[in-house]
């Protein structure tokens, strides 16, 4: 993603005008639990490993089930910690950055179980992961959800459904996540405990490019707080309104300079380990 067409630049500029005017919010002055975020990050990274590696890593004291979702470029695993009464749903999306823009189905469809319009491709994948994961979950346990890239988008959609069905939901943390819903969906799930972690110069959180709406109505919008990891090893926390404006403004200013390497899960993990003050366990 080293350049862009005039049409796409015009689309982004129009999107900036649409989301950047008169919107509340800004930086958030709140503590950040990097140890908890790192727990999510290590699982999101492990989802790219083999099923045997995942079981060896997390299955010594916990129950772990792994599934490669048939016909989809998605892997998921469920990890259940009976002693801590905590369970995880972890999703790996596509590992091919070059195909994210081209292969994504940007059409928004109304998803009845969610009561909101959601990116069709993500809700399709989330439905498949739900079929695998839901029977494994233990009622009453805290359920945490995480994933990277398209897996992060699927994780966000799963968190929406878990909340809609009254499951006890813990923190959902995603890494380099694209947008999944529109303004009405944001309003419905504004209290979802979602934290989106974004590396500087990662282009994927700006997707879908189609930000001016579709037949299902409304702009694609991010929601949940955004933890912004800078190239100086520092961080900032934004609410979703300011994060959206900040991301698009920043993108237009440095158009053509995005670095796909900043989207790699390994890059996220390295920065978070430094911020948490712990050594790598890789």
C-alpha atoms as a PDB file:
ATOM      1  CA  UNK A   1       0.000   0.000   0.000  1.00  0.00           C
ATOM      2  CA  UNK A   2       2.476   2.537  -1.161  1.00  0.00           C
ATOM      3  CA  UNK A   3       0.217   4.727  -3.253  1.00  0.00           C
ATOM      4  CA  UNK A   4      -3.371   5.519  -4.093  1.00  0.00           C
ATOM      5  CA  UNK A   5      -5.607   6.564  -6.941  1.00  0.00           C
ATOM      6  CA  UNK A   6      -7.084  10.094  -7.215  1.00  0.00           C
ATOM      7  CA  UNK A   7     -10.568   8.609  -6.860  1.00  0.00           C
ATOM      8  CA  UNK A   8      -9.672   6.910  -3.605  1.00  0.00           C
ATOM      9  CA  UNK A   9      -7.997  10.067  -2.289  1.00  0.00           C
ATOM     10  CA  UNK A  10     -11.185  12.016  -3.078  1.00  0.00           C
ATOM     11  CA  UNK A  11     -13.242   9.376  -1.291  1.00  0.00           C
ATOM     12  CA  UNK A  12     -11.066   9.610   1.806  1.00  0.00           C
ATOM     13  CA  UNK A  13     -11.192  13.408   1.748  1.00  0.00           C
ATOM     14  CA  UNK A  14     -14.973  13.317   1.588  1.00  0.00           C
ATOM     15  CA  UNK A  15     -15.008  10.814   4.428  1.00  0.00           C
ATOM     16  CA  UNK A  16     -12.865  13.145   6.508  1.00  0.00           C
ATOM     17  CA  UNK A  17     -15.378  15.921   5.984  1.00  0.00           C
ATOM     18  CA  UNK A  18     -18.155  13.570   7.016  1.00  0.00           C
ATOM     19  CA  UNK A  19     -16.612  12.352  10.269  1.00  0.00           C
ATOM     20  CA  UNK A  20     -14.349  15.212  11.275  1.00  0.00           C
ATOM     21  CA  UNK A  21     -16.806  18.019  11.940  1.00  0.00           C
ATOM     22  CA  UNK A  22     -18.526  18.744  15.197  1.00  0.00           C
ATOM     23  CA  UNK A  23     -17.723  15.417  16.826  1.00  0.00           C
ATOM     24  CA  UNK A  24     -17.119  15.172  20.578  1.00  0.00           C
ATOM     25  CA  UNK A  25     -14.365  13.277  22.270  1.00  0.00           C
ATOM     26  CA  UNK A  26     -10.610  13.196  22.261  1.00  0.00           C
ATOM     27  CA  UNK A  27      -7.749  11.736  24.216  1.00  0.00           C
ATOM     28  CA  UNK A  28      -8.729   9.700  27.243  1.00  0.00           C
ATOM     29  CA  UNK A  29      -6.877  10.102  30.540  1.00  0.00           C
ATOM     30  CA  UNK A  30      -7.218   6.625  31.995  1.00  0.00           C
ATOM     31  CA  UNK A  31      -4.873   3.859  33.165  1.00  0.00           C
ATOM     32  CA  UNK A  32      -4.027   1.131  30.664  1.00  0.00           C
ATOM     33  CA  UNK A  33      -3.523  -2.456  31.819  1.00  0.00           C
ATOM     34  CA  UNK A  34      -0.697  -3.519  29.510  1.00  0.00           C
ATOM     35  CA  UNK A  35      -0.349  -6.886  31.245  1.00  0.00           C
ATOM     36  CA  UNK A  36      -3.938  -7.773  30.322  1.00  0.00           C
ATOM     37  CA  UNK A  37      -3.514  -6.415  26.794  1.00  0.00           C
ATOM     38  CA  UNK A  38      -0.378  -8.525  26.422  1.00  0.00           C
ATOM     39  CA  UNK A  39      -2.353 -11.640  27.412  1.00  0.00           C
ATOM     40  CA  UNK A  40      -4.666 -10.923  24.488  1.00  0.00           C
ATOM     41  CA  UNK A  41      -1.781 -10.125  22.133  1.00  0.00           C
ATOM     42  CA  UNK A  42       0.060 -13.358  22.855  1.00  0.00           C
ATOM     43  CA  UNK A  43      -3.043 -15.360  22.100  1.00  0.00           C
ATOM     44  CA  UNK A  44      -3.797 -13.394  18.930  1.00  0.00           C
ATOM     45  CA  UNK A  45      -0.220 -14.076  17.771  1.00  0.00           C
ATOM     46  CA  UNK A  46      -0.444 -17.761  18.698  1.00  0.00           C
ATOM     47  CA  UNK A  47      -3.494 -18.145  16.454  1.00  0.00           C
ATOM     48  CA  UNK A  48      -1.089 -18.041  13.483  1.00  0.00           C
ATOM     49  CA  UNK A  49       0.703 -21.135  14.793  1.00  0.00           C
ATOM     50  CA  UNK A  50      -0.324 -24.765  14.260  1.00  0.00           C
ATOM     51  CA  UNK A  51      -3.014 -26.405  16.326  1.00  0.00           C
ATOM     52  CA  UNK A  52      -0.410 -28.547  18.089  1.00  0.00           C
ATOM     53  CA  UNK A  53       1.638 -25.441  18.960  1.00  0.00           C
ATOM     54  CA  UNK A  54      -1.438 -23.695  20.353  1.00  0.00           C
ATOM     55  CA  UNK A  55      -2.314 -26.697  22.518  1.00  0.00           C
ATOM     56  CA  UNK A  56       1.268 -26.996  23.747  1.00  0.00           C
ATOM     57  CA  UNK A  57       1.348 -23.301  24.632  1.00  0.00           C
ATOM     58  CA  UNK A  58      -1.987 -22.908  26.422  1.00  0.00           C
ATOM     59  CA  UNK A  59      -3.247 -26.433  27.039  1.00  0.00           C
ATOM     60  CA  UNK A  60      -1.002 -27.541  29.892  1.00  0.00           C
ATOM     61  CA  UNK A  61      -3.370 -26.222  32.555  1.00  0.00           C
ATOM     62  CA  UNK A  62      -6.352 -25.153  30.444  1.00  0.00           C
ATOM     63  CA  UNK A  63      -8.720 -26.927  28.075  1.00  0.00           C
ATOM     64  CA  UNK A  64      -8.012 -25.895  24.475  1.00  0.00           C
ATOM     65  CA  UNK A  65      -9.989 -26.655  21.298  1.00  0.00           C
ATOM     66  CA  UNK A  66      -8.772 -25.532  17.859  1.00  0.00           C
ATOM     67  CA  UNK A  67     -10.678 -25.333  14.580  1.00  0.00           C
ATOM     68  CA  UNK A  68      -9.678 -24.419  11.041  1.00  0.00           C
ATOM     69  CA  UNK A  69     -13.001 -23.109   9.757  1.00  0.00           C
ATOM     70  CA  UNK A  70     -13.853 -24.991   6.526  1.00  0.00           C
ATOM     71  CA  UNK A  71     -13.828 -22.926   3.309  1.00  0.00           C
ATOM     72  CA  UNK A  72     -12.715 -19.756   5.145  1.00  0.00           C
ATOM     73  CA  UNK A  73      -9.249 -18.308   5.769  1.00  0.00           C
ATOM     74  CA  UNK A  74     -10.022 -18.330   9.502  1.00  0.00           C
ATOM     75  CA  UNK A  75      -8.725 -20.319  12.447  1.00  0.00           C
ATOM     76  CA  UNK A  76     -10.169 -20.081  15.945  1.00  0.00           C
ATOM     77  CA  UNK A  77      -9.409 -21.597  19.295  1.00  0.00           C
ATOM     78  CA  UNK A  78     -11.267 -21.722  22.575  1.00  0.00           C
ATOM     79  CA  UNK A  79      -9.297 -21.836  25.815  1.00  0.00           C
ATOM     80  CA  UNK A  80     -11.051 -22.543  29.109  1.00  0.00           C
ATOM     81  CA  UNK A  81      -9.452 -21.825  32.480  1.00  0.00           C
ATOM     82  CA  UNK A  82     -11.676 -23.643  34.981  1.00  0.00           C
ATOM     83  CA  UNK A  83      -9.685 -22.491  37.996  1.00  0.00           C
ATOM     84  CA  UNK A  84      -9.906 -18.823  37.042  1.00  0.00           C
ATOM     85  CA  UNK A  85     -13.396 -19.197  35.527  1.00  0.00           C
ATOM     86  CA  UNK A  86     -12.149 -17.393  32.411  1.00  0.00           C
ATOM     87  CA  UNK A  87     -12.596 -18.518  28.820  1.00  0.00           C
ATOM     88  CA  UNK A  88     -11.131 -17.163  25.606  1.00  0.00           C
ATOM     89  CA  UNK A  89     -12.248 -17.079  21.989  1.00  0.00           C
ATOM     90  CA  UNK A  90      -9.262 -16.280  19.769  1.00  0.00           C
ATOM     91  CA  UNK A  91      -9.597 -15.691  16.029  1.00  0.00           C
ATOM     92  CA  UNK A  92      -6.972 -15.638  13.284  1.00  0.00           C
ATOM     93  CA  UNK A  93      -7.994 -13.922  10.095  1.00  0.00           C
ATOM     94  CA  UNK A  94      -6.199 -13.819   6.774  1.00  0.00           C
ATOM     95  CA  UNK A  95      -2.428 -13.863   6.951  1.00  0.00           C
ATOM     96  CA  UNK A  96      -2.193 -12.221   3.511  1.00  0.00           C
ATOM     97  CA  UNK A  97      -2.077  -8.439   3.890  1.00  0.00           C
ATOM     98  CA  UNK A  98      -2.005  -7.875   0.125  1.00  0.00           C
ATOM     99  CA  UNK A  99      -5.444  -9.456  -0.269  1.00  0.00           C
ATOM    100  CA  UNK A 100      -7.242  -7.709   2.581  1.00  0.00           C
ATOM    101  CA  UNK A 101      -8.494  -4.781   0.510  1.00  0.00           C
ATOM    102  CA  UNK A 102      -9.226  -6.792  -2.619  1.00  0.00           C
ATOM    103  CA  UNK A 103     -10.918  -9.771  -0.969  1.00  0.00           C
ATOM    104  CA  UNK A 104     -13.012  -8.039   1.674  1.00  0.00           C
ATOM    105  CA  UNK A 105     -16.767  -8.016   1.084  1.00  0.00           C
ATOM    106  CA  UNK A 106     -17.643  -4.441   2.029  1.00  0.00           C
ATOM    107  CA  UNK A 107     -21.425  -4.778   1.732  1.00  0.00           C
ATOM    108  CA  UNK A 108     -23.254  -4.164   5.013  1.00  0.00           C
ATOM    109  CA  UNK A 109     -26.168  -6.451   5.827  1.00  0.00           C
ATOM    110  CA  UNK A 110     -28.604  -6.294   8.702  1.00  0.00           C
ATOM    111  CA  UNK A 111     -27.661  -9.078  11.140  1.00  0.00           C
ATOM    112  CA  UNK A 112     -30.771  -9.989  13.105  1.00  0.00           C
ATOM    113  CA  UNK A 113     -28.928 -11.623  16.061  1.00  0.00           C
ATOM    114  CA  UNK A 114     -27.011  -8.351  16.507  1.00  0.00           C
ATOM    115  CA  UNK A 115     -29.792  -5.904  15.736  1.00  0.00           C
ATOM    116  CA  UNK A 116     -27.357  -3.914  13.571  1.00  0.00           C
ATOM    117  CA  UNK A 117     -25.920  -3.683  10.060  1.00  0.00           C
ATOM    118  CA  UNK A 118     -22.514  -5.353   9.936  1.00  0.00           C
ATOM    119  CA  UNK A 119     -19.842  -5.952   7.284  1.00  0.00           C
ATOM    120  CA  UNK A 120     -21.139  -9.008   5.444  1.00  0.00           C
ATOM    121  CA  UNK A 121     -17.820 -10.864   5.201  1.00  0.00           C
ATOM    122  CA  UNK A 122     -17.021 -10.404   8.874  1.00  0.00           C
ATOM    123  CA  UNK A 123     -20.456 -11.465  10.091  1.00  0.00           C
ATOM    124  CA  UNK A 124     -20.273 -14.550   7.844  1.00  0.00           C
ATOM    125  CA  UNK A 125     -16.947 -15.540   9.401  1.00  0.00           C
ATOM    126  CA  UNK A 126     -18.190 -14.727  12.904  1.00  0.00           C
ATOM    127  CA  UNK A 127     -21.189 -16.980  12.371  1.00  0.00           C
ATOM    128  CA  UNK A 128     -18.877 -19.878  11.505  1.00  0.00           C
ATOM    129  CA  UNK A 129     -16.669 -19.256  14.546  1.00  0.00           C
ATOM    130  CA  UNK A 130     -19.770 -18.952  16.737  1.00  0.00           C
ATOM    131  CA  UNK A 131     -20.969 -22.385  15.582  1.00  0.00           C
ATOM    132  CA  UNK A 132     -17.639 -23.866  16.653  1.00  0.00           C
ATOM    133  CA  UNK A 133     -17.091 -21.902  19.868  1.00  0.00           C
ATOM    134  CA  UNK A 134     -20.494 -21.401  21.499  1.00  0.00           C
ATOM    135  CA  UNK A 135     -21.102 -25.057  22.485  1.00  0.00           C
ATOM    136  CA  UNK A 136     -17.697 -25.099  24.225  1.00  0.00           C
ATOM    137  CA  UNK A 137     -18.331 -22.079  26.454  1.00  0.00           C
ATOM    138  CA  UNK A 138     -19.203 -22.520  30.118  1.00  0.00           C
ATOM    139  CA  UNK A 139     -22.127 -20.458  31.361  1.00  0.00           C
ATOM    140  CA  UNK A 140     -21.098 -17.958  34.022  1.00  0.00           C
ATOM    141  CA  UNK A 141     -17.408 -17.799  33.112  1.00  0.00           C
ATOM    142  CA  UNK A 142     -15.918 -14.469  32.015  1.00  0.00           C
ATOM    143  CA  UNK A 143     -15.522 -14.614  28.248  1.00  0.00           C
ATOM    144  CA  UNK A 144     -12.634 -12.743  26.601  1.00  0.00           C
ATOM    145  CA  UNK A 145     -12.318 -12.311  22.839  1.00  0.00           C
ATOM    146  CA  UNK A 146      -9.301 -11.308  20.763  1.00  0.00           C
ATOM    147  CA  UNK A 147      -7.834 -11.390  17.272  1.00  0.00           C
ATOM    148  CA  UNK A 148      -5.593  -9.624  14.784  1.00  0.00           C
ATOM    149  CA  UNK A 149      -6.460  -8.042  11.424  1.00  0.00           C
ATOM    150  CA  UNK A 150      -9.590  -9.625   9.943  1.00  0.00           C
ATOM    151  CA  UNK A 151      -9.549 -11.929  12.967  1.00  0.00           C
ATOM    152  CA  UNK A 152      -9.873  -8.804  15.105  1.00  0.00           C
ATOM    153  CA  UNK A 153     -12.919  -7.734  13.118  1.00  0.00           C
ATOM    154  CA  UNK A 154     -14.480 -11.170  13.591  1.00  0.00           C
ATOM    155  CA  UNK A 155     -13.645 -10.999  17.305  1.00  0.00           C
ATOM    156  CA  UNK A 156     -15.463  -7.644  17.566  1.00  0.00           C
ATOM    157  CA  UNK A 157     -18.533  -9.089  15.856  1.00  0.00           C
ATOM    158  CA  UNK A 158     -18.426 -12.110  18.186  1.00  0.00           C
ATOM    159  CA  UNK A 159     -18.250  -9.774  21.194  1.00  0.00           C
ATOM    160  CA  UNK A 160     -21.327  -7.959  19.877  1.00  0.00           C
ATOM    161  CA  UNK A 161     -23.233 -11.239  19.689  1.00  0.00           C
ATOM    162  CA  UNK A 162     -22.038 -12.423  23.088  1.00  0.00           C
ATOM    163  CA  UNK A 163     -23.286  -9.193  24.636  1.00  0.00           C
ATOM    164  CA  UNK A 164     -26.584  -9.380  22.736  1.00  0.00           C
ATOM    165  CA  UNK A 165     -27.150 -12.885  24.135  1.00  0.00           C
ATOM    166  CA  UNK A 166     -26.328 -11.911  27.698  1.00  0.00           C
ATOM    167  CA  UNK A 167     -23.049 -13.833  27.998  1.00  0.00           C
ATOM    168  CA  UNK A 168     -20.757 -12.541  30.751  1.00  0.00           C
ATOM    169  CA  UNK A 169     -18.313 -10.601  28.610  1.00  0.00           C
ATOM    170  CA  UNK A 170     -14.835  -9.567  29.686  1.00  0.00           C
ATOM    171  CA  UNK A 171     -12.467  -7.353  27.745  1.00  0.00           C
ATOM    172  CA  UNK A 172     -12.354  -7.694  23.957  1.00  0.00           C
ATOM    173  CA  UNK A 173      -8.993  -6.511  22.581  1.00  0.00           C
ATOM    174  CA  UNK A 174      -8.248  -6.405  18.862  1.00  0.00           C
ATOM    175  CA  UNK A 175      -5.078  -5.562  16.933  1.00  0.00           C
ATOM    176  CA  UNK A 176      -5.051  -3.791  13.555  1.00  0.00           C
ATOM    177  CA  UNK A 177      -8.808  -4.255  13.269  1.00  0.00           C
ATOM    178  CA  UNK A 178     -10.807  -2.961  10.280  1.00  0.00           C
ATOM    179  CA  UNK A 179     -14.224  -1.338  10.792  1.00  0.00           C
ATOM    180  CA  UNK A 180     -17.234  -3.630  11.155  1.00  0.00           C
ATOM    181  CA  UNK A 181     -20.438  -1.568  11.416  1.00  0.00           C
ATOM    182  CA  UNK A 182     -22.061   1.822  10.881  1.00  0.00           C
ATOM    183  CA  UNK A 183     -23.270   4.666  13.108  1.00  0.00           C
ATOM    184  CA  UNK A 184     -26.394   2.812  14.262  1.00  0.00           C
ATOM    185  CA  UNK A 185     -24.320  -0.210  15.192  1.00  0.00           C
ATOM    186  CA  UNK A 186     -21.905   2.031  17.095  1.00  0.00           C
ATOM    187  CA  UNK A 187     -24.766   3.528  19.067  1.00  0.00           C
ATOM    188  CA  UNK A 188     -26.183   0.099  19.901  1.00  0.00           C
ATOM    189  CA  UNK A 189     -22.844  -1.311  21.081  1.00  0.00           C
ATOM    190  CA  UNK A 190     -21.216   1.803  22.488  1.00  0.00           C
ATOM    191  CA  UNK A 191     -20.803   0.165  25.910  1.00  0.00           C
ATOM    192  CA  UNK A 192     -19.131  -2.961  24.500  1.00  0.00           C
ATOM    193  CA  UNK A 193     -15.834  -3.457  26.414  1.00  0.00           C
ATOM    194  CA  UNK A 194     -13.801  -3.203  23.195  1.00  0.00           C
ATOM    195  CA  UNK A 195     -10.262  -1.870  22.995  1.00  0.00           C
ATOM    196  CA  UNK A 196      -8.692  -1.526  19.545  1.00  0.00           C
ATOM    197  CA  UNK A 197      -4.882  -1.463  19.516  1.00  0.00           C
ATOM    198  CA  UNK A 198      -3.448   0.341  16.474  1.00  0.00           C
ATOM    199  CA  UNK A 199       0.196   0.613  15.402  1.00  0.00           C
ATOM    200  CA  UNK A 200       1.223   3.893  13.824  1.00  0.00           C
ATOM    201  CA  UNK A 201       1.201   3.687  10.019  1.00  0.00           C
ATOM    202  CA  UNK A 202      -0.869   0.478  10.014  1.00  0.00           C
ATOM    203  CA  UNK A 203      -3.216   1.033   7.036  1.00  0.00           C
ATOM    204  CA  UNK A 204      -5.685  -1.768   7.807  1.00  0.00           C
ATOM    205  CA  UNK A 205      -7.730   0.008  10.538  1.00  0.00           C
ATOM    206  CA  UNK A 206      -8.760   2.506   7.823  1.00  0.00           C
ATOM    207  CA  UNK A 207     -10.536  -0.284   5.934  1.00  0.00           C
ATOM    208  CA  UNK A 208     -13.121  -0.631   4.508  1.00  0.00           C
ATOM    209  CA  UNK A 209     -12.217   2.109   2.057  1.00  0.00           C
ATOM    210  CA  UNK A 210     -15.922   2.499   1.286  1.00  0.00           C
ATOM    211  CA  UNK A 211     -16.686   5.018   4.020  1.00  0.00           C
ATOM    212  CA  UNK A 212     -19.558   6.917   2.403  1.00  0.00           C
ATOM    213  CA  UNK A 213     -22.225   4.323   3.077  1.00  0.00           C
ATOM    214  CA  UNK A 214     -23.999   1.599   1.116  1.00  0.00           C
ATOM    215  CA  UNK A 215     -27.503   0.319   0.508  1.00  0.00           C
ATOM    216  CA  UNK A 216     -27.743  -0.745   4.146  1.00  0.00           C
ATOM    217  CA  UNK A 217     -27.178   2.881   5.119  1.00  0.00           C
ATOM    218  CA  UNK A 218     -24.548   4.828   7.001  1.00  0.00           C
ATOM    219  CA  UNK A 219     -20.832   5.328   7.171  1.00  0.00           C
ATOM    220  CA  UNK A 220     -18.527   2.607   8.349  1.00  0.00           C
ATOM    221  CA  UNK A 221     -17.450   3.655  11.835  1.00  0.00           C
ATOM    222  CA  UNK A 222     -15.059   2.412  14.476  1.00  0.00           C
ATOM    223  CA  UNK A 223     -16.202   2.083  18.069  1.00  0.00           C
ATOM    224  CA  UNK A 224     -14.460   1.205  21.298  1.00  0.00           C
ATOM    225  CA  UNK A 225     -11.460   2.996  22.726  1.00  0.00           C
ATOM    226  CA  UNK A 226      -8.325   3.069  20.582  1.00  0.00           C
ATOM    227  CA  UNK A 227      -4.857   2.518  22.011  1.00  0.00           C
ATOM    228  CA  UNK A 228      -2.455   4.215  19.606  1.00  0.00           C
ATOM    229  CA  UNK A 229       1.132   2.868  19.645  1.00  0.00           C
ATOM    230  CA  UNK A 230       3.551   5.498  18.368  1.00  0.00           C
ATOM    231  CA  UNK A 231       6.823   4.993  16.560  1.00  0.00           C
ATOM    232  CA  UNK A 232       8.608   6.518  19.582  1.00  0.00           C
ATOM    233  CA  UNK A 233       7.629   3.680  21.906  1.00  0.00           C
ATOM    234  CA  UNK A 234       4.923   5.729  23.621  1.00  0.00           C
ATOM    235  CA  UNK A 235       1.151   5.450  23.509  1.00  0.00           C
ATOM    236  CA  UNK A 236      -2.027   7.491  23.541  1.00  0.00           C
ATOM    237  CA  UNK A 237      -5.610   6.487  24.309  1.00  0.00           C
ATOM    238  CA  UNK A 238      -8.547   7.903  22.328  1.00  0.00           C
ATOM    239  CA  UNK A 239     -12.277   7.489  22.422  1.00  0.00           C
ATOM    240  CA  UNK A 240     -13.759   6.263  19.165  1.00  0.00           C
ATOM    241  CA  UNK A 241     -14.860   9.693  17.901  1.00  0.00           C
ATOM    242  CA  UNK A 242     -11.452  11.302  18.042  1.00  0.00           C
ATOM    243  CA  UNK A 243      -9.734   8.117  16.980  1.00  0.00           C
ATOM    244  CA  UNK A 244     -11.716   8.057  13.753  1.00  0.00           C
ATOM    245  CA  UNK A 245     -10.925  11.673  12.950  1.00  0.00           C
ATOM    246  CA  UNK A 246      -7.273  11.271  13.958  1.00  0.00           C
ATOM    247  CA  UNK A 247      -6.769   8.189  11.832  1.00  0.00           C
ATOM    248  CA  UNK A 248      -8.217   9.683   8.639  1.00  0.00           C
ATOM    249  CA  UNK A 249      -6.477  13.030   9.088  1.00  0.00           C
ATOM    250  CA  UNK A 250      -3.180  11.285   9.744  1.00  0.00           C
ATOM    251  CA  UNK A 251      -3.643   9.025   6.741  1.00  0.00           C
ATOM    252  CA  UNK A 252      -4.308  11.887   4.348  1.00  0.00           C
ATOM    253  CA  UNK A 253      -1.247  13.743   5.613  1.00  0.00           C
ATOM    254  CA  UNK A 254       1.070  10.809   4.971  1.00  0.00           C
ATOM    255  CA  UNK A 255      -0.677   9.232   1.989  1.00  0.00           C
ATOM    256  CA  UNK A 256       1.753   6.936   0.196  1.00  0.00           C
ATOM    257  CA  UNK A 257       3.918   6.416   3.293  1.00  0.00           C
ATOM    258  CA  UNK A 258       1.945   3.671   5.065  1.00  0.00           C
ATOM    259  CA  UNK A 259       4.041   0.709   6.040  1.00  0.00           C
ATOM    260  CA  UNK A 260       2.354  -2.697   5.753  1.00  0.00           C
ATOM    261  CA  UNK A 261       5.035  -4.072   8.079  1.00  0.00           C
ATOM    262  CA  UNK A 262       3.356  -2.106  10.880  1.00  0.00           C
ATOM    263  CA  UNK A 263       0.343  -4.380  10.456  1.00  0.00           C
ATOM    264  CA  UNK A 264       2.241  -7.540  11.347  1.00  0.00           C
ATOM    265  CA  UNK A 265       1.181  -9.092  14.646  1.00  0.00           C
ATOM    266  CA  UNK A 266       4.827  -9.570  15.591  1.00  0.00           C
ATOM    267  CA  UNK A 267       5.299  -5.793  15.465  1.00  0.00           C
ATOM    268  CA  UNK A 268       2.323  -5.265  17.785  1.00  0.00           C
ATOM    269  CA  UNK A 269       3.588  -7.901  20.178  1.00  0.00           C
ATOM    270  CA  UNK A 270       7.104  -6.438  20.366  1.00  0.00           C
ATOM    271  CA  UNK A 271       5.827  -2.950  21.201  1.00  0.00           C
ATOM    272  CA  UNK A 272       3.378  -4.220  23.811  1.00  0.00           C
ATOM    273  CA  UNK A 273       6.041  -6.338  25.529  1.00  0.00           C
ATOM    274  CA  UNK A 274       8.197  -3.219  25.890  1.00  0.00           C
ATOM    275  CA  UNK A 275       5.284  -1.170  27.221  1.00  0.00           C
ATOM    276  CA  UNK A 276       4.387  -3.934  29.690  1.00  0.00           C
ATOM    277  CA  UNK A 277       8.032  -4.089  30.806  1.00  0.00           C
ATOM    278  CA  UNK A 278       8.359  -7.836  30.278  1.00  0.00           C
ATOM    279  CA  UNK A 279      10.698  -9.999  28.268  1.00  0.00           C
ATOM    280  CA  UNK A 280       9.519 -11.753  25.167  1.00  0.00           C
ATOM    281  CA  UNK A 281       8.279 -15.301  25.747  1.00  0.00           C
ATOM    282  CA  UNK A 282       8.849 -16.245  22.125  1.00  0.00           C
END
